[in-house]
Amino acid sequence: MNKVRLQSVKGEVREVDGKMFVPMGIHTPGLIRWAKAGFTGKKNDRAVSIIAESFGLKRSVVFALLSGEVDYEVDGDDVVFQWPDDPNKEDK
């Protein structure tokens, strides 16, 4: 089994054209909860596409995560779960 960690992205203060701003961060546990709430279970589910593209995961991994087939835990600001093979390989 592979331990998969989806890490949150923190917004960091940046200066652009002499102005300071903080770009929006991504709180991964909240993003996963949002995706699960909107998950339809259909093959072309938009939430699956968003999570798969955001984290570079296979759609089948994300489908299992959002459907509840795979349990996950929240570790700080990250989401962690187990997957039997490489979660980043292309689906066939």
N, C-alpha and C. Protein backbone atom coordinates (compact mmCIF):
# COMPACT_ATOMS: atom_id res chain seq x y z
N MET A 1 0.85 -1.19 0.00
CA MET A 1 0.00 0.00 0.00
C MET A 1 0.89 1.25 0.00
N ASN A 2 0.46 2.24 -0.75
CA ASN A 2 1.15 3.52 -0.79
C ASN A 2 0.40 4.54 0.06
N LYS A 3 1.13 5.27 0.86
CA LYS A 3 0.53 6.36 1.63
C LYS A 3 0.51 7.59 0.73
N VAL A 4 -0.68 8.13 0.52
CA VAL A 4 -0.85 9.29 -0.35
C VAL A 4 -1.16 10.49 0.54
N ARG A 5 -0.41 11.57 0.35
CA ARG A 5 -0.61 12.80 1.12
C ARG A 5 -0.94 13.93 0.15
N LEU A 6 -2.13 14.49 0.33
CA LEU A 6 -2.55 15.65 -0.46
C LEU A 6 -2.32 16.87 0.42
N GLN A 7 -1.36 17.70 0.05
CA GLN A 7 -0.96 18.82 0.89
C GLN A 7 -1.71 20.10 0.56
N SER A 8 -2.02 20.83 1.61
CA SER A 8 -2.63 22.15 1.45
C SER A 8 -1.58 23.12 0.93
N VAL A 9 -2.05 24.18 0.29
CA VAL A 9 -1.18 25.23 -0.22
C VAL A 9 -1.50 26.49 0.58
N LYS A 10 -0.52 26.99 1.26
CA LYS A 10 -0.73 28.19 2.07
C LYS A 10 -0.54 29.44 1.22
N GLY A 11 -1.39 30.43 1.45
CA GLY A 11 -1.22 31.72 0.78
C GLY A 11 -0.05 32.46 1.42
N GLU A 12 0.85 32.95 0.63
CA GLU A 12 2.01 33.67 1.14
C GLU A 12 1.96 35.11 0.65
N VAL A 13 2.36 36.03 1.50
CA VAL A 13 2.38 37.44 1.14
C VAL A 13 3.38 37.64 0.00
N ARG A 14 2.92 38.31 -1.05
CA ARG A 14 3.76 38.59 -2.21
C ARG A 14 3.64 40.06 -2.58
N GLU A 15 4.67 40.55 -3.23
CA GLU A 15 4.63 41.92 -3.72
C GLU A 15 4.57 41.89 -5.24
N VAL A 16 3.60 42.59 -5.79
CA VAL A 16 3.45 42.70 -7.23
C VAL A 16 3.23 44.17 -7.55
N ASP A 17 4.08 44.71 -8.40
CA ASP A 17 3.99 46.12 -8.79
C ASP A 17 3.95 47.05 -7.57
N GLY A 18 4.76 46.72 -6.57
CA GLY A 18 4.84 47.55 -5.38
C GLY A 18 3.70 47.39 -4.40
N LYS A 19 2.76 46.49 -4.67
CA LYS A 19 1.62 46.28 -3.77
C LYS A 19 1.73 44.89 -3.15
N MET A 20 1.36 44.79 -1.89
CA MET A 20 1.40 43.51 -1.18
C MET A 20 0.02 42.85 -1.27
N PHE A 21 0.03 41.55 -1.51
CA PHE A 21 -1.23 40.80 -1.50
C PHE A 21 -0.95 39.36 -1.10
N VAL A 22 -2.01 38.68 -0.68
CA VAL A 22 -1.92 37.27 -0.30
C VAL A 22 -2.83 36.49 -1.23
N PRO A 23 -2.26 35.68 -2.14
CA PRO A 23 -3.12 34.85 -3.00
C PRO A 23 -3.83 33.81 -2.16
N MET A 24 -4.95 33.37 -2.65
CA MET A 24 -5.75 32.39 -1.93
C MET A 24 -4.98 31.07 -1.79
N GLY A 25 -4.99 30.51 -0.61
CA GLY A 25 -4.42 29.19 -0.38
C GLY A 25 -5.48 28.12 -0.60
N ILE A 26 -5.06 26.89 -0.56
CA ILE A 26 -5.98 25.76 -0.70
C ILE A 26 -5.93 24.93 0.57
N HIS A 27 -7.05 24.83 1.26
CA HIS A 27 -7.16 23.99 2.45
C HIS A 27 -7.70 22.64 1.99
N THR A 28 -6.82 21.67 1.87
CA THR A 28 -7.17 20.39 1.25
C THR A 28 -8.32 19.68 1.94
N PRO A 29 -8.37 19.58 3.28
CA PRO A 29 -9.53 18.92 3.89
C PRO A 29 -10.85 19.57 3.51
N GLY A 30 -10.87 20.91 3.45
CA GLY A 30 -12.09 21.61 3.03
C GLY A 30 -12.42 21.35 1.58
N LEU A 31 -11.40 21.30 0.73
CA LEU A 31 -11.62 21.02 -0.69
C LEU A 31 -12.20 19.62 -0.88
N ILE A 32 -11.68 18.65 -0.15
CA ILE A 32 -12.20 17.28 -0.26
C ILE A 32 -13.65 17.22 0.25
N ARG A 33 -13.94 17.89 1.37
CA ARG A 33 -15.33 17.91 1.87
C ARG A 33 -16.26 18.55 0.84
N TRP A 34 -15.81 19.64 0.22
CA TRP A 34 -16.61 20.31 -0.81
C TRP A 34 -16.86 19.34 -1.98
N ALA A 35 -15.82 18.66 -2.42
CA ALA A 35 -15.94 17.75 -3.56
C ALA A 35 -16.86 16.58 -3.22
N LYS A 36 -16.76 16.05 -2.00
CA LYS A 36 -17.64 14.94 -1.59
C LYS A 36 -19.09 15.38 -1.57
N ALA A 37 -19.33 16.61 -1.12
CA ALA A 37 -20.71 17.12 -1.04
C ALA A 37 -21.34 17.26 -2.42
N GLY A 38 -20.52 17.58 -3.43
CA GLY A 38 -21.04 17.74 -4.78
C GLY A 38 -20.87 16.53 -5.68
N PHE A 39 -20.32 15.46 -5.13
CA PHE A 39 -20.03 14.25 -5.91
C PHE A 39 -21.32 13.58 -6.36
N THR A 40 -21.43 13.33 -7.66
CA THR A 40 -22.65 12.73 -8.21
C THR A 40 -22.54 11.23 -8.43
N GLY A 41 -21.31 10.72 -8.48
CA GLY A 41 -21.12 9.29 -8.74
C GLY A 41 -21.10 8.95 -10.22
N LYS A 42 -21.29 9.96 -11.07
CA LYS A 42 -21.26 9.72 -12.51
C LYS A 42 -19.83 9.72 -13.01
N LYS A 43 -19.61 9.02 -14.10
CA LYS A 43 -18.26 8.87 -14.65
C LYS A 43 -17.63 10.22 -15.00
N ASN A 44 -18.42 11.17 -15.45
CA ASN A 44 -17.89 12.47 -15.86
C ASN A 44 -18.04 13.54 -14.77
N ASP A 45 -18.08 13.13 -13.51
CA ASP A 45 -18.28 14.03 -12.37
C ASP A 45 -17.23 15.15 -12.39
N ARG A 46 -17.68 16.38 -12.30
CA ARG A 46 -16.78 17.54 -12.35
C ARG A 46 -15.86 17.60 -11.13
N ALA A 47 -16.36 17.22 -9.96
CA ALA A 47 -15.54 17.24 -8.75
C ALA A 47 -14.35 16.29 -8.90
N VAL A 48 -14.57 15.15 -9.52
CA VAL A 48 -13.47 14.19 -9.75
C VAL A 48 -12.41 14.84 -10.63
N SER A 49 -12.83 15.49 -11.69
CA SER A 49 -11.89 16.16 -12.59
C SER A 49 -11.07 17.22 -11.87
N ILE A 50 -11.74 18.04 -11.06
CA ILE A 50 -11.06 19.12 -10.35
C ILE A 50 -9.99 18.58 -9.41
N ILE A 51 -10.34 17.58 -8.61
CA ILE A 51 -9.38 17.02 -7.64
C ILE A 51 -8.27 16.28 -8.38
N ALA A 52 -8.61 15.51 -9.39
CA ALA A 52 -7.59 14.76 -10.14
C ALA A 52 -6.58 15.71 -10.78
N GLU A 53 -7.05 16.76 -11.41
CA GLU A 53 -6.16 17.71 -12.06
C GLU A 53 -5.37 18.53 -11.05
N SER A 54 -5.97 18.88 -9.94
CA SER A 54 -5.30 19.69 -8.92
C SER A 54 -4.13 18.97 -8.27
N PHE A 55 -4.29 17.67 -8.06
CA PHE A 55 -3.27 16.91 -7.33
C PHE A 55 -2.52 15.91 -8.20
N GLY A 56 -2.82 15.86 -9.50
CA GLY A 56 -2.12 14.93 -10.39
C GLY A 56 -2.42 13.47 -10.10
N LEU A 57 -3.66 13.19 -9.71
CA LEU A 57 -4.07 11.82 -9.38
C LEU A 57 -4.88 11.20 -10.51
N LYS A 58 -4.88 9.87 -10.55
CA LYS A 58 -5.75 9.16 -11.48
C LYS A 58 -7.21 9.42 -11.08
N ARG A 59 -8.06 9.49 -12.07
CA ARG A 59 -9.49 9.69 -11.81
C ARG A 59 -10.06 8.56 -10.96
N SER A 60 -9.59 7.34 -11.17
CA SER A 60 -10.10 6.20 -10.39
C SER A 60 -9.78 6.35 -8.90
N VAL A 61 -8.63 6.94 -8.59
CA VAL A 61 -8.25 7.18 -7.19
C VAL A 61 -9.19 8.21 -6.57
N VAL A 62 -9.42 9.28 -7.29
CA VAL A 62 -10.29 10.35 -6.79
C VAL A 62 -11.73 9.86 -6.67
N PHE A 63 -12.19 9.09 -7.62
CA PHE A 63 -13.55 8.53 -7.57
C PHE A 63 -13.70 7.69 -6.30
N ALA A 64 -12.72 6.85 -6.01
CA ALA A 64 -12.77 6.00 -4.80
C ALA A 64 -12.76 6.86 -3.54
N LEU A 65 -11.97 7.93 -3.54
CA LEU A 65 -11.88 8.82 -2.39
C LEU A 65 -13.20 9.54 -2.15
N LEU A 66 -13.77 10.11 -3.19
CA LEU A 66 -15.00 10.88 -3.04
C LEU A 66 -16.22 10.01 -2.78
N SER A 67 -16.21 8.79 -3.28
CA SER A 67 -17.35 7.89 -3.09
C SER A 67 -17.36 7.27 -1.69
N GLY A 68 -16.24 7.38 -0.97
CA GLY A 68 -16.17 6.78 0.35
C GLY A 68 -15.59 5.38 0.34
N GLU A 69 -15.25 4.87 -0.84
CA GLU A 69 -14.65 3.54 -0.96
C GLU A 69 -13.30 3.50 -0.23
N VAL A 70 -12.61 4.63 -0.21
CA VAL A 70 -11.33 4.78 0.46
C VAL A 70 -11.51 5.75 1.62
N ASP A 71 -11.10 5.31 2.81
CA ASP A 71 -11.13 6.20 3.97
C ASP A 71 -9.90 7.09 3.96
N TYR A 72 -10.06 8.29 4.47
CA TYR A 72 -8.92 9.20 4.59
C TYR A 72 -8.91 9.80 5.98
N GLU A 73 -7.77 10.35 6.34
CA GLU A 73 -7.68 11.06 7.61
C GLU A 73 -7.10 12.44 7.35
N VAL A 74 -7.41 13.34 8.23
CA VAL A 74 -6.87 14.69 8.15
C VAL A 74 -5.67 14.75 9.08
N ASP A 75 -4.54 15.15 8.54
CA ASP A 75 -3.30 15.28 9.31
C ASP A 75 -2.86 16.74 9.20
N GLY A 76 -3.19 17.53 10.20
CA GLY A 76 -2.93 18.97 10.13
C GLY A 76 -3.79 19.59 9.04
N ASP A 77 -3.16 20.15 8.02
CA ASP A 77 -3.89 20.73 6.89
C ASP A 77 -3.87 19.83 5.67
N ASP A 78 -3.44 18.58 5.84
CA ASP A 78 -3.32 17.65 4.72
C ASP A 78 -4.35 16.53 4.83
N VAL A 79 -4.58 15.86 3.71
CA VAL A 79 -5.44 14.68 3.64
C VAL A 79 -4.54 13.49 3.30
N VAL A 80 -4.68 12.41 4.08
CA VAL A 80 -3.82 11.24 3.91
C VAL A 80 -4.70 9.99 3.76
N PHE A 81 -4.33 9.13 2.79
CA PHE A 81 -5.04 7.86 2.61
C PHE A 81 -4.09 6.83 2.00
N GLN A 82 -4.51 5.58 2.02
CA GLN A 82 -3.72 4.48 1.47
C GLN A 82 -4.27 4.09 0.10
N TRP A 83 -3.36 3.75 -0.83
CA TRP A 83 -3.75 3.30 -2.17
C TRP A 83 -2.85 2.14 -2.57
N PRO A 84 -3.41 1.08 -3.17
CA PRO A 84 -2.62 -0.13 -3.43
C PRO A 84 -1.52 -0.01 -4.48
N ASP A 85 -1.63 0.91 -5.42
CA ASP A 85 -0.57 1.04 -6.42
C ASP A 85 -0.25 2.53 -6.60
N ASP A 86 0.43 2.87 -7.66
CA ASP A 86 0.83 4.25 -7.90
C ASP A 86 -0.41 5.10 -8.20
N PRO A 87 -0.75 6.07 -7.34
CA PRO A 87 -1.94 6.87 -7.57
C PRO A 87 -1.79 7.90 -8.66
N ASN A 88 -0.56 8.08 -9.16
CA ASN A 88 -0.31 9.12 -10.15
C ASN A 88 -0.21 8.60 -11.58
N LYS A 89 -0.17 7.29 -11.76
CA LYS A 89 -0.11 6.73 -13.11
C LYS A 89 -1.40 7.00 -13.85
N GLU A 90 -1.31 7.06 -15.16
CA GLU A 90 -2.51 7.27 -15.98
C GLU A 90 -3.44 6.07 -15.89
N ASP A 91 -4.74 6.34 -15.86
CA ASP A 91 -5.73 5.27 -15.96
C ASP A 91 -5.69 4.69 -17.34
N LYS A 92 -5.92 3.40 -17.44
CA LYS A 92 -5.94 2.76 -18.77
C LYS A 92 -7.34 2.56 -19.24
